[in-house]
C-alpha atoms as a PDB file:
ATOM      1  CA  UNK A   1     -11.161   2.749 -32.611  1.00  0.00           C
ATOM      2  CA  UNK A   2     -10.118   1.988 -28.543  1.00  0.00           C
ATOM      3  CA  UNK A   3     -12.064   4.663 -26.853  1.00  0.00           C
ATOM      4  CA  UNK A   4      -9.972   6.993 -24.945  1.00  0.00           C
ATOM      5  CA  UNK A   5     -10.671   6.812 -21.150  1.00  0.00           C
ATOM      6  CA  UNK A   6      -9.411   9.022 -17.939  1.00  0.00           C
ATOM      7  CA  UNK A   7      -9.504   5.920 -16.604  1.00  0.00           C
ATOM      8  CA  UNK A   8      -8.682   1.960 -16.418  1.00  0.00           C
ATOM      9  CA  UNK A   9     -10.568  -0.483 -15.949  1.00  0.00           C
ATOM     10  CA  UNK A  10      -8.850  -3.997 -14.404  1.00  0.00           C
ATOM     11  CA  UNK A  11      -9.933  -6.742 -12.870  1.00  0.00           C
ATOM     12  CA  UNK A  12      -8.536  -9.012 -10.387  1.00  0.00           C
ATOM     13  CA  UNK A  13      -9.313 -12.094  -9.279  1.00  0.00           C
ATOM     14  CA  UNK A  14      -9.470 -12.831  -5.456  1.00  0.00           C
ATOM     15  CA  UNK A  15      -9.832 -15.568  -2.748  1.00  0.00           C
ATOM     16  CA  UNK A  16     -12.340 -15.510  -0.798  1.00  0.00           C
ATOM     17  CA  UNK A  17     -10.079 -14.183   2.104  1.00  0.00           C
ATOM     18  CA  UNK A  18      -8.883 -11.742   0.120  1.00  0.00           C
ATOM     19  CA  UNK A  19     -12.041 -10.322  -1.330  1.00  0.00           C
ATOM     20  CA  UNK A  20     -13.140 -10.421   2.572  1.00  0.00           C
ATOM     21  CA  UNK A  21      -9.691  -8.352   3.937  1.00  0.00           C
ATOM     22  CA  UNK A  22     -10.992  -6.016   1.086  1.00  0.00           C
ATOM     23  CA  UNK A  23     -14.820  -5.578   2.687  1.00  0.00           C
ATOM     24  CA  UNK A  24     -13.714  -4.977   5.624  1.00  0.00           C
ATOM     25  CA  UNK A  25     -10.857  -2.779   5.330  1.00  0.00           C
ATOM     26  CA  UNK A  26     -13.880  -0.767   3.051  1.00  0.00           C
ATOM     27  CA  UNK A  27     -15.597  -0.541   6.110  1.00  0.00           C
ATOM     28  CA  UNK A  28     -12.944   0.679   8.548  1.00  0.00           C
ATOM     29  CA  UNK A  29     -10.894   3.481   5.938  1.00  0.00           C
ATOM     30  CA  UNK A  30     -15.061   4.088   5.378  1.00  0.00           C
ATOM     31  CA  UNK A  31     -14.022   3.656   1.642  1.00  0.00           C
ATOM     32  CA  UNK A  32     -17.174   4.355  -0.904  1.00  0.00           C
ATOM     33  CA  UNK A  33     -16.140   1.691  -3.285  1.00  0.00           C
ATOM     34  CA  UNK A  34     -13.625  -0.966  -3.071  1.00  0.00           C
ATOM     35  CA  UNK A  35     -11.810   0.644  -5.832  1.00  0.00           C
ATOM     36  CA  UNK A  36     -11.264   3.098  -3.561  1.00  0.00           C
ATOM     37  CA  UNK A  37      -9.575   0.961  -1.050  1.00  0.00           C
ATOM     38  CA  UNK A  38      -7.556  -0.771  -3.794  1.00  0.00           C
ATOM     39  CA  UNK A  39      -6.338   3.266  -4.874  1.00  0.00           C
ATOM     40  CA  UNK A  40      -5.056   3.825  -1.374  1.00  0.00           C
ATOM     41  CA  UNK A  41      -3.191   0.671  -0.995  1.00  0.00           C
ATOM     42  CA  UNK A  42      -1.337   1.326  -4.023  1.00  0.00           C
ATOM     43  CA  UNK A  43      -0.962   4.734  -2.928  1.00  0.00           C
ATOM     44  CA  UNK A  44       1.188   4.063   0.472  1.00  0.00           C
ATOM     45  CA  UNK A  45       2.313   1.348  -1.400  1.00  0.00           C
ATOM     46  CA  UNK A  46       4.637   3.732  -3.018  1.00  0.00           C
ATOM     47  CA  UNK A  47       4.610   5.700  -0.534  1.00  0.00           C
ATOM     48  CA  UNK A  48       6.125   2.966   1.402  1.00  0.00           C
ATOM     49  CA  UNK A  49       8.117   2.027  -1.528  1.00  0.00           C
ATOM     50  CA  UNK A  50       9.855   5.259  -1.935  1.00  0.00           C
ATOM     51  CA  UNK A  51      10.346   6.499   1.116  1.00  0.00           C
ATOM     52  CA  UNK A  52      12.555   2.572   1.088  1.00  0.00           C
ATOM     53  CA  UNK A  53      14.387   3.665  -1.487  1.00  0.00           C
ATOM     54  CA  UNK A  54      15.439   7.468   0.165  1.00  0.00           C
ATOM     55  CA  UNK A  55      17.296   5.338   2.429  1.00  0.00           C
ATOM     56  CA  UNK A  56      14.329   5.967   5.569  1.00  0.00           C
ATOM     57  CA  UNK A  57      13.510   3.198   8.152  1.00  0.00           C
ATOM     58  CA  UNK A  58      10.198   3.285   9.068  1.00  0.00           C
ATOM     59  CA  UNK A  59       8.893   3.451  12.855  1.00  0.00           C
ATOM     60  CA  UNK A  60       6.050   3.452  15.054  1.00  0.00           C
ATOM     61  CA  UNK A  61       5.765   4.810  19.068  1.00  0.00           C
ATOM     62  CA  UNK A  62       4.436   2.911  21.480  1.00  0.00           C
ATOM     63  CA  UNK A  63       1.208   4.523  22.972  1.00  0.00           C
ATOM     64  CA  UNK A  64       2.190   6.094  26.428  1.00  0.00           C
ATOM     65  CA  UNK A  65       5.784   5.714  25.921  1.00  0.00           C
ATOM     66  CA  UNK A  66       8.235   6.961  23.929  1.00  0.00           C
ATOM     67  CA  UNK A  67       9.377   4.079  22.725  1.00  0.00           C
ATOM     68  CA  UNK A  68       9.927   3.467  19.411  1.00  0.00           C
ATOM     69  CA  UNK A  69      10.030   0.294  17.244  1.00  0.00           C
ATOM     70  CA  UNK A  70      11.222  -0.159  13.784  1.00  0.00           C
ATOM     71  CA  UNK A  71       8.848  -1.859  11.750  1.00  0.00           C
ATOM     72  CA  UNK A  72       9.609  -4.837   8.937  1.00  0.00           C
ATOM     73  CA  UNK A  73       8.186  -5.424   5.816  1.00  0.00           C
ATOM     74  CA  UNK A  74       9.644  -8.862   5.087  1.00  0.00           C
ATOM     75  CA  UNK A  75       7.622  -9.693   1.443  1.00  0.00           C
ATOM     76  CA  UNK A  76       8.519  -6.050   0.424  1.00  0.00           C
ATOM     77  CA  UNK A  77      11.517  -6.569  -1.794  1.00  0.00           C
ATOM     78  CA  UNK A  78      13.102  -3.825  -3.988  1.00  0.00           C
ATOM     79  CA  UNK A  79      16.147  -4.449  -5.814  1.00  0.00           C
ATOM     80  CA  UNK A  80      18.939  -2.639  -5.048  1.00  0.00           C
ATOM     81  CA  UNK A  81      19.221  -1.594  -8.801  1.00  0.00           C
ATOM     82  CA  UNK A  82      15.745  -0.167  -8.619  1.00  0.00           C
ATOM     83  CA  UNK A  83      16.649   1.934  -5.505  1.00  0.00           C
ATOM     84  CA  UNK A  84      17.308   5.712  -6.059  1.00  0.00           C
ATOM     85  CA  UNK A  85      20.767   7.130  -5.873  1.00  0.00           C
ATOM     86  CA  UNK A  86      21.225   9.577  -2.540  1.00  0.00           C
END
């Protein structure tokens, strides 16, 4: 019988470049582990997808100006049928 776990374990195979990126991000955000980096990245992606589904436009403000620039996410395609209705 399988143990009831609060957490599920996953294993990822990544390229050296991705592994280096994960380590760099761990240091930059002062994460206690690479798993924490992945959890935070998933949280942020979930937030981003939910905002796009709501019809929001994600923008950034340039430092020292009032200029707003729309951020595009070309690798993030959300199928129209998956978007929540307004």
